[in-house]
Amino acid sequence: MSKTLYLVDLSYIRPLSDVDMYRDQHIEFLNEFYGQGNFICSGPKSPRTGGVILAQAPSKEALLKILEKDPFHQEKIAQYQITEFTPAMFSDSFKNVMA
């Protein structure tokens, strides 16, 4: 079965002090969509210039609607670059995600 996934690359466009001010709200946003099964993994980049989210959604449009709820989007703290892909190979431990 092929399933489309999305790599969401966040780049901060405001100072880290602004990022930190909305970090807790961003984590609440992440938790909501982990709970709904849309987010698979996420974390900050190193160096701390943004973050990455591996997501699944019915369509890119549906994912964009989800990302509009992110405080980092609402407060214009980050820009998002979305790469849509269909995994051709994956480890056994990733099979439940691809089911």
Protein backbone atom coordinates (compact mmCIF):
# COMPACT_ATOMS: atom_id res chain seq x y z
CA MET A 1 0.00 0.00 0.00
CA SER A 2 1.39 3.42 -0.90
CA LYS A 3 0.68 6.32 1.40
CA THR A 4 1.60 9.94 0.92
CA LEU A 5 3.54 11.59 3.70
CA TYR A 6 4.62 15.20 4.14
CA LEU A 7 7.87 16.60 5.41
CA VAL A 8 7.14 20.02 6.92
CA ASP A 9 10.28 22.15 7.23
CA LEU A 10 9.74 25.15 9.54
CA SER A 11 12.17 28.07 9.35
CA TYR A 12 12.01 30.75 12.02
CA ILE A 13 11.57 34.27 10.66
CA ARG A 14 11.54 36.01 14.04
CA PRO A 15 14.01 36.02 16.95
CA LEU A 16 14.29 33.00 19.25
CA SER A 17 12.83 35.12 22.05
CA ASP A 18 9.57 35.22 20.04
CA VAL A 19 9.81 31.49 19.32
CA ASP A 20 10.22 30.79 23.04
CA MET A 21 7.25 32.99 23.89
CA TYR A 22 4.93 30.74 21.82
CA ARG A 23 6.73 27.42 22.33
CA ASP A 24 4.24 26.01 24.88
CA GLN A 25 1.30 26.87 22.62
CA HIS A 26 3.13 25.27 19.66
CA ILE A 27 3.63 22.09 21.72
CA GLU A 28 -0.10 22.04 22.54
CA PHE A 29 -0.79 22.31 18.79
CA LEU A 30 1.61 19.43 18.10
CA ASN A 31 0.01 17.28 20.81
CA GLU A 32 -3.46 17.87 19.37
CA PHE A 33 -2.45 16.58 15.94
CA TYR A 34 -0.34 13.73 17.33
CA GLY A 35 -3.55 12.72 19.09
CA GLN A 36 -5.48 12.85 15.83
CA GLY A 37 -2.84 10.73 14.08
CA ASN A 38 -1.62 13.43 11.70
CA PHE A 39 1.88 13.87 13.10
CA ILE A 40 4.37 11.01 13.14
CA CYS A 41 7.47 12.70 14.55
CA SER A 42 8.81 16.22 15.02
CA GLY A 43 11.66 18.15 16.55
CA PRO A 44 13.90 21.19 16.39
CA LYS A 45 16.66 21.62 13.84
CA SER A 46 20.26 21.85 14.92
CA PRO A 47 21.28 24.63 14.92
CA ARG A 48 17.99 26.01 16.21
CA THR A 49 16.77 27.75 13.06
CA GLY A 50 13.40 25.98 12.92
CA GLY A 51 11.95 22.51 13.15
CA VAL A 52 10.71 19.53 11.18
CA ILE A 53 7.40 17.65 11.28
CA LEU A 54 6.74 14.35 9.51
CA ALA A 55 2.99 14.33 8.87
CA GLN A 56 0.21 12.41 7.20
CA ALA A 57 -3.05 13.93 5.99
CA PRO A 58 -5.70 13.12 3.39
CA SER A 59 -4.27 15.84 1.11
CA LYS A 60 -1.81 18.71 1.05
CA GLU A 61 -4.77 21.08 1.37
CA ALA A 62 -5.88 19.28 4.55
CA LEU A 63 -2.35 19.58 5.94
CA LEU A 64 -2.29 23.31 5.15
CA LYS A 65 -5.52 23.75 7.14
CA ILE A 66 -3.89 21.95 10.08
CA LEU A 67 -0.77 24.13 9.90
CA GLU A 68 -2.92 27.28 9.93
CA LYS A 69 -3.75 26.38 13.54
CA ASP A 70 -0.09 26.45 14.61
CA PRO A 71 0.66 29.47 16.81
CA PHE A 72 3.97 29.78 14.94
CA HIS A 73 1.94 30.33 11.77
CA GLN A 74 -0.67 32.58 13.38
CA GLU A 75 1.98 34.81 14.97
CA LYS A 76 4.16 34.80 11.81
CA ILE A 77 7.07 33.20 13.67
CA ALA A 78 7.88 30.54 11.07
CA GLN A 79 7.62 29.85 7.37
CA TYR A 80 6.75 26.36 6.15
CA GLN A 81 8.13 24.41 3.23
CA ILE A 82 6.19 21.20 2.53
CA THR A 83 7.63 18.26 0.64
CA GLU A 84 5.11 15.61 -0.37
CA PHE A 85 6.48 12.10 -0.88
CA THR A 86 5.45 8.47 -1.09
CA PRO A 87 7.88 6.20 0.75
CA ALA A 88 9.12 3.43 -1.51
CA MET A 89 11.12 1.71 1.23
CA PHE A 90 10.93 1.79 5.02
CA SER A 91 12.11 -0.20 8.04
CA ASP A 92 10.01 -2.89 9.72
CA SER A 93 9.51 -0.58 12.70
CA PHE A 94 7.78 1.93 10.39
CA LYS A 95 5.27 -0.57 8.96
CA ASN A 96 2.46 0.39 11.37
CA VAL A 97 2.70 4.00 10.15
CA MET A 98 2.40 2.87 6.55
CA ALA A 99 -0.51 0.48 7.18
